[in-house]
Amino acid sequence: MKVSVICTVFNEGYSIQSLMDTLCSQSVSPDEVIVVDGGSTDDTVDYLQQYRERLPLRVIVEPGANISRGRNVAIEAAAGPIIASTDAGVRLAPGWLAELCRPFQAQPPAKVVAGFFVPDTYTAFEVAMGATVLPVVTDIDPATFLPSSRSIAFLKSSWVAADRYPEWIDVCEDLIFDFRLRDQVGAFVFAPQALAYFRPRSSLWAFFKQYYTYARGDGKADLWRKRHAIRYLTYGVALPLSIILGVVFSPWWWLFLGVVGGLGLFFTAYRRLLGLWQELGLRDKLKAIFWIPIIRVTGDVAKMIGYPVGLKWRLARLATQPELRWRES
């Protein structure tokens, strides 16, 4: 069956070559590649045009399109019954497309295949970032895993059944799409070797803005209520209570609660770090150890600020925008 690779871009001239070069190097070539540009003001489109002789490439310029709109435009234009989605800012393993497509040839054939992504790190900070925020394959339960649209394949008919990507939201659109896909087709097939290498944010401020935006999207989409509630309880109740216990009873409470709280907050990140820091020297390993708690707390603060902003946006529009009730649709 014909396979269409789709991607959206906006001002990605600095990074698009890595993605396009790895698409050219796939062990199984795509039948077509459709890239939708959201109105870039840099040289993104010029770089893309250079790949016309190496790929069956079509570039569509859709000024003002958000990610969901860009993906929907690309899928509408796709001729293939199988859609493989990825993102700018990643590089793809040589077998990425082959691994995504293989389950569609099985019996019974897959309807959705979840690929995976791993951190593409260059500094000690980025290694610490990857360990803190990105899962490793042993963390994944294939029965419940919701893939990023930087590495996923699905039937075009499944996209239609799931009511397309939600164009009313500017972030976390792939999670909403995943939920709808799962409601329509059931469990996804997990393809852990369909790897997209994703570079984490390279500074603490960039990470803060990213996770603020993610949490704002959670609020807009009404996602992860329990996770956000636990975060507010941890920092708003448990932390102040532990300080009071240490003052009133004994400072040993601080040691006890610090150990328990530290294990809860940082254990998973340090476990992942052991699998990511092989290429680091001793000094950079120490830097990564140092950065993990700072990154974790920064991300939590960003989420606690961003979530109510998104929730306020949602509540102000809920009565007039029925699409916001996507869980009930």
Protein backbone atom coordinates (compact mmCIF):
# COMPACT_ATOMS: atom_id res chain seq x y z
CA MET A 1 0.00 0.00 0.00
CA LYS A 2 1.11 3.53 -0.75
CA VAL A 3 2.59 5.37 2.24
CA SER A 4 2.47 9.13 2.62
CA VAL A 5 4.83 10.84 5.09
CA ILE A 6 3.43 14.13 6.40
CA CYS A 7 5.00 16.93 8.42
CA THR A 8 4.28 20.54 9.37
CA VAL A 9 6.93 23.25 9.61
CA PHE A 10 7.25 26.89 10.62
CA ASN A 11 10.55 28.78 10.57
CA GLU A 12 12.57 25.56 10.70
CA GLY A 13 15.34 26.56 8.29
CA TYR A 14 17.95 25.91 10.98
CA SER A 15 16.81 22.31 11.57
CA ILE A 16 14.87 21.03 8.57
CA GLN A 17 17.88 19.58 6.78
CA SER A 18 18.42 16.92 9.44
CA LEU A 19 14.86 15.63 9.06
CA MET A 20 14.92 15.71 5.27
CA ASP A 21 18.33 14.02 5.03
CA THR A 22 17.12 11.16 7.23
CA LEU A 23 13.95 10.83 5.14
CA CYS A 24 16.19 10.45 2.09
CA SER A 25 18.10 7.68 3.88
CA GLN A 26 15.17 5.46 4.83
CA SER A 27 15.55 1.74 4.16
CA VAL A 28 11.99 1.85 2.78
CA SER A 29 11.31 4.93 0.72
CA PRO A 30 8.05 6.84 1.15
CA ASP A 31 5.74 7.00 -1.84
CA GLU A 32 5.26 10.69 -1.17
CA VAL A 33 6.31 13.32 1.35
CA ILE A 34 3.92 16.19 2.00
CA VAL A 35 5.18 19.13 4.06
CA VAL A 36 2.84 21.95 5.06
CA ASP A 37 4.52 25.24 5.90
CA GLY A 38 2.56 27.55 8.20
CA GLY A 39 3.88 30.73 6.57
CA SER A 40 7.57 30.71 7.46
CA THR A 41 9.43 34.01 7.25
CA ASP A 42 12.87 32.39 7.08
CA ASP A 43 14.43 30.12 4.46
CA THR A 44 12.51 26.95 5.39
CA VAL A 45 10.68 26.64 2.07
CA ASP A 46 13.86 27.32 0.09
CA TYR A 47 15.62 24.49 1.92
CA LEU A 48 12.70 22.17 1.31
CA GLN A 49 12.71 22.84 -2.43
CA GLN A 50 16.28 21.54 -2.60
CA TYR A 51 14.97 18.03 -1.84
CA ARG A 52 12.59 17.75 -4.78
CA GLU A 53 15.06 15.66 -6.77
CA ARG A 54 15.79 13.32 -3.84
CA LEU A 55 12.25 12.78 -2.53
CA PRO A 56 8.74 12.60 -3.99
CA LEU A 57 8.12 15.89 -2.21
CA ARG A 58 5.19 18.25 -2.23
CA VAL A 59 5.33 21.51 -0.26
CA ILE A 60 2.08 23.28 0.59
CA VAL A 61 2.20 26.79 2.06
CA GLU A 62 -0.74 27.47 4.37
CA PRO A 63 -0.09 30.82 6.10
CA GLY A 64 -1.36 30.97 9.67
CA ALA A 65 -1.98 27.23 9.97
CA ASN A 66 -1.39 25.78 13.42
CA ILE A 67 0.05 22.28 13.77
CA SER A 68 -3.34 20.54 13.63
CA ARG A 69 -4.43 22.49 10.58
CA GLY A 70 -1.13 21.78 8.87
CA ARG A 71 -1.42 18.06 9.52
CA ASN A 72 -5.01 17.96 8.32
CA VAL A 73 -4.11 19.81 5.12
CA ALA A 74 -1.25 17.37 4.49
CA ILE A 75 -3.42 14.31 5.11
CA GLU A 76 -6.20 15.67 2.88
CA ALA A 77 -3.66 16.00 0.08
CA ALA A 78 -2.13 12.55 0.68
CA ALA A 79 -2.77 9.87 -1.91
CA GLY A 80 -1.74 6.96 0.28
CA PRO A 81 -4.06 4.95 2.53
CA ILE A 82 -1.27 4.87 5.16
CA ILE A 83 -0.16 8.12 6.79
CA ALA A 84 3.17 8.30 8.62
CA SER A 85 3.55 11.49 10.66
CA THR A 86 6.70 13.15 11.94
CA ASP A 87 7.87 16.60 13.00
CA ALA A 88 10.49 19.15 12.15
CA GLY A 89 13.32 19.24 14.66
CA VAL A 90 13.89 15.48 14.69
CA ARG A 91 16.09 13.05 12.81
CA LEU A 92 14.78 9.62 11.94
CA ALA A 93 16.43 6.23 12.31
CA PRO A 94 17.10 4.58 8.92
CA GLY A 95 14.46 1.92 9.62
CA TRP A 96 11.85 4.35 10.97
CA LEU A 97 9.39 4.06 8.10
CA ALA A 98 9.92 0.33 7.63
CA GLU A 99 9.18 -0.33 11.30
CA LEU A 100 6.07 1.84 11.19
CA CYS A 101 4.75 0.16 8.04
CA ARG A 102 5.44 -3.48 8.89
CA PRO A 103 2.38 -3.99 11.17
CA PHE A 104 0.06 -2.88 8.36
CA GLN A 105 1.16 -5.98 6.44
CA ALA A 106 0.41 -8.37 9.32
CA GLN A 107 -2.74 -10.41 9.79
CA PRO A 108 -4.88 -8.81 10.98
CA PRO A 109 -3.39 -5.55 9.73
CA ALA A 110 -2.81 -2.70 12.13
CA LYS A 111 -4.89 0.46 12.01
CA VAL A 112 -2.54 2.59 14.13
CA VAL A 113 1.16 2.02 14.82
CA ALA A 114 2.85 3.90 17.65
CA GLY A 115 6.50 4.67 17.04
CA PHE A 116 8.86 5.90 19.71
CA PHE A 117 11.30 8.75 20.28
CA VAL A 118 14.52 9.08 22.22
CA PRO A 119 16.56 12.11 23.30
CA ASP A 120 19.15 13.39 20.85
CA THR A 121 21.56 15.01 23.27
CA TYR A 122 24.73 17.06 22.84
CA THR A 123 25.40 18.59 26.28
CA ALA A 124 25.25 17.51 29.91
CA PHE A 125 22.20 19.75 30.39
CA GLU A 126 20.40 18.06 27.49
CA VAL A 127 21.24 14.62 28.86
CA ALA A 128 19.76 15.63 32.22
CA MET A 129 16.75 17.08 30.42
CA GLY A 130 16.17 13.87 28.47
CA ALA A 131 16.44 11.78 31.64
CA THR A 132 13.99 14.03 33.47
CA VAL A 133 11.22 14.49 30.91
CA LEU A 134 11.40 11.74 28.28
CA PRO A 135 10.42 8.11 28.92
CA VAL A 136 12.66 5.19 28.02
CA VAL A 137 11.23 2.14 26.34
CA THR A 138 11.15 0.13 29.59
CA ASP A 139 8.79 2.78 31.02
CA ILE A 140 6.23 2.07 28.32
CA ASP A 141 3.12 -0.07 28.63
CA PRO A 142 2.29 -0.81 24.96
CA ALA A 143 -1.39 -1.29 25.82
CA THR A 144 -1.77 2.30 27.05
CA PHE A 145 1.05 4.20 25.32
CA LEU A 146 -0.09 7.36 23.51
CA PRO A 147 2.48 8.24 20.85
CA SER A 148 3.63 11.67 19.82
CA SER A 149 2.82 12.60 16.25
CA ARG A 150 6.54 12.89 15.63
CA SER A 151 6.46 9.09 15.22
CA ILE A 152 3.09 7.51 14.39
CA ALA A 153 1.38 5.87 11.43
CA PHE A 154 -2.32 5.30 10.85
CA LEU A 155 -4.82 4.57 8.14
CA LYS A 156 -6.29 7.63 6.49
CA SER A 157 -9.69 6.10 7.18
CA SER A 158 -8.85 6.02 10.90
CA TRP A 159 -8.01 9.73 10.76
CA VAL A 160 -11.46 10.35 9.31
CA ALA A 161 -13.12 8.17 11.96
CA ALA A 162 -11.27 10.08 14.71
CA ASP A 163 -12.57 13.40 13.35
CA ARG A 164 -9.12 14.61 12.24
CA TYR A 165 -6.62 16.58 14.30
CA PRO A 166 -8.38 19.18 16.50
CA GLU A 167 -7.75 22.58 14.95
CA TRP A 168 -9.21 24.51 17.90
CA ILE A 169 -6.10 23.94 20.05
CA ASP A 170 -2.51 25.04 19.49
CA VAL A 171 -0.68 22.40 21.59
CA CYS A 172 -1.20 18.79 22.80
CA GLU A 173 -3.30 18.22 19.70
CA ASP A 174 -1.67 14.84 19.15
CA LEU A 175 -2.84 13.57 22.55
CA ILE A 176 -6.44 14.49 21.79
CA PHE A 177 -6.10 12.81 18.41
CA ASP A 178 -4.61 9.70 20.09
CA PHE A 179 -7.53 9.45 22.51
CA ARG A 180 -10.01 9.70 19.66
CA LEU A 181 -8.08 7.17 17.57
CA ARG A 182 -8.06 4.69 20.45
CA ASP A 183 -11.79 5.17 20.94
CA GLN A 184 -12.36 4.37 17.28
CA VAL A 185 -9.90 1.55 16.55
CA GLY A 186 -8.88 0.12 19.93
CA ALA A 187 -5.32 -0.62 21.01
CA PHE A 188 -2.39 0.58 18.93
CA VAL A 189 0.48 -1.61 17.77
CA PHE A 190 3.72 -0.51 19.45
CA ALA A 191 6.82 -0.32 17.23
CA PRO A 192 9.67 0.67 19.57
CA GLN A 193 12.28 0.57 16.80
CA ALA A 194 10.46 3.23 14.76
CA LEU A 195 12.70 5.84 16.33
CA ALA A 196 12.66 9.60 16.01
CA TYR A 197 15.61 11.30 17.69
CA PHE A 198 14.30 14.40 19.42
CA ARG A 199 16.59 17.10 20.82
CA PRO A 200 15.50 18.35 24.26
CA ARG A 201 15.49 22.05 25.05
CA SER A 202 19.02 23.35 25.53
CA SER A 203 18.38 25.96 28.24
CA LEU A 204 16.34 26.18 31.42
CA TRP A 205 14.35 29.17 30.16
CA ALA A 206 13.45 27.42 26.91
CA PHE A 207 12.34 24.40 28.92
CA PHE A 208 10.24 26.56 31.24
CA LYS A 209 8.43 28.14 28.28
CA GLN A 210 7.89 24.73 26.68
CA TYR A 211 6.34 23.19 29.79
CA TYR A 212 4.29 26.29 30.53
CA THR A 213 2.85 25.93 27.02
CA TYR A 214 2.24 22.21 27.45
CA ALA A 215 0.40 22.76 30.75
CA ARG A 216 -1.63 25.59 29.26
CA GLY A 217 -2.67 23.14 26.56
CA ASP A 218 -3.63 20.60 29.24
CA GLY A 219 -5.91 23.21 30.77
CA LYS A 220 -7.46 24.10 27.42
CA ALA A 221 -8.12 20.44 26.61
CA ASP A 222 -9.07 19.33 30.14
CA LEU A 223 -6.24 16.79 30.27
CA TRP A 224 -4.54 15.11 33.25
CA ARG A 225 -6.65 16.57 36.07
CA LYS A 226 -5.28 14.10 38.65
CA ARG A 227 -1.65 14.71 37.70
CA HIS A 228 -2.04 18.46 38.07
CA ALA A 229 -3.96 18.07 41.34
CA ILE A 230 -1.16 15.91 42.77
CA ARG A 231 1.39 18.54 41.78
CA TYR A 232 -0.52 21.32 43.55
CA LEU A 233 -0.96 19.13 46.64
CA THR A 234 2.76 18.27 46.69
CA TYR A 235 4.02 21.84 46.54
CA GLY A 236 1.06 23.57 48.18
CA VAL A 237 0.33 21.17 51.05
CA ALA A 238 2.96 18.47 51.56
CA LEU A 239 6.00 20.77 51.28
CA PRO A 240 4.71 23.45 53.71
CA LEU A 241 3.53 20.73 56.10
CA SER A 242 6.98 19.11 56.13
CA ILE A 243 8.57 22.48 56.96
CA ILE A 244 6.11 23.00 59.83
CA LEU A 245 6.75 19.48 61.19
CA GLY A 246 10.49 20.16 61.23
CA VAL A 247 10.03 23.44 63.08
CA VAL A 248 7.50 22.16 65.61
CA PHE A 249 8.88 18.69 66.33
CA SER A 250 12.38 17.97 65.06
CA PRO A 251 14.64 18.85 62.10
CA TRP A 252 14.95 15.08 61.58
CA TRP A 253 11.53 15.33 59.92
CA TRP A 254 13.18 17.36 57.18
CA LEU A 255 15.72 14.63 56.56
CA PHE A 256 13.08 11.90 56.53
CA LEU A 257 10.63 13.77 54.31
CA GLY A 258 13.46 15.02 52.11
CA VAL A 259 14.59 11.47 51.41
CA VAL A 260 11.04 10.24 50.78
CA GLY A 261 10.14 13.27 48.67
CA GLY A 262 13.42 13.14 46.76
CA LEU A 263 12.88 9.51 45.86
CA GLY A 264 9.39 10.31 44.63
CA LEU A 265 10.46 13.29 42.57
CA PHE A 266 13.85 12.31 41.22
CA PHE A 267 14.33 8.51 41.33
CA THR A 268 12.96 7.86 37.83
CA ALA A 269 15.10 10.59 36.29
CA TYR A 270 18.31 9.30 37.91
CA ARG A 271 17.45 5.75 36.84
CA ARG A 272 17.09 6.90 33.24
CA LEU A 273 20.28 8.94 33.50
CA LEU A 274 22.32 5.76 33.97
CA GLY A 275 21.32 4.69 30.47
CA LEU A 276 21.98 8.05 28.83
CA TRP A 277 25.28 9.33 30.16
CA GLN A 278 27.75 6.75 28.81
CA GLU A 279 29.37 9.27 26.46
CA LEU A 280 29.81 11.93 29.15
CA GLY A 281 33.03 12.55 31.00
CA LEU A 282 33.14 12.70 34.80
CA ARG A 283 32.66 16.47 34.96
CA ASP A 284 29.62 16.35 32.66
CA LYS A 285 28.17 13.44 34.62
CA LEU A 286 28.35 15.53 37.76
CA LYS A 287 26.70 18.41 35.91
CA ALA A 288 23.86 16.12 34.79
CA ILE A 289 23.35 14.89 38.37
CA PHE A 290 23.18 18.50 39.53
CA TRP A 291 20.73 19.61 36.81
CA ILE A 292 18.06 16.94 37.31
CA PRO A 293 16.37 18.34 40.45
CA ILE A 294 16.53 21.88 39.06
CA ILE A 295 14.92 20.77 35.81
CA ARG A 296 12.23 18.77 37.61
CA VAL A 297 11.22 21.62 39.93
CA THR A 298 11.35 24.16 37.10
CA GLY A 299 9.05 21.98 35.01
CA ASP A 300 6.62 21.58 37.91
CA VAL A 301 6.50 25.34 38.50
CA ALA A 302 5.94 25.98 34.79
CA LYS A 303 3.06 23.50 34.78
CA MET A 304 1.46 24.96 37.89
CA ILE A 305 1.51 28.41 36.27
CA GLY A 306 0.42 27.29 32.81
CA TYR A 307 -2.43 24.95 33.73
CA PRO A 308 -4.79 27.53 35.29
CA VAL A 309 -4.15 29.89 32.35
CA GLY A 310 -5.37 27.19 29.97
CA LEU A 311 -8.25 26.26 32.24
CA LYS A 312 -9.40 29.89 32.37
CA TRP A 313 -9.29 29.99 28.56
CA ARG A 314 -11.39 26.81 28.41
CA LEU A 315 -14.02 27.93 30.91
CA ALA A 316 -14.47 31.25 29.10
CA ARG A 317 -15.29 29.44 25.83
CA LEU A 318 -16.96 26.23 26.97
CA ALA A 319 -20.52 27.50 26.53
CA THR A 320 -19.99 28.75 22.96
CA GLN A 321 -17.50 26.21 21.54
CA PRO A 322 -18.99 22.70 21.72
CA GLU A 323 -15.83 21.18 20.23
CA LEU A 324 -14.12 21.78 23.57
CA ARG A 325 -16.26 18.93 24.93
CA TRP A 326 -14.25 16.52 22.82
CA ARG A 327 -14.31 13.80 25.50
CA GLU A 328 -18.07 13.54 25.12
CA SER A 329 -18.10 13.55 21.31
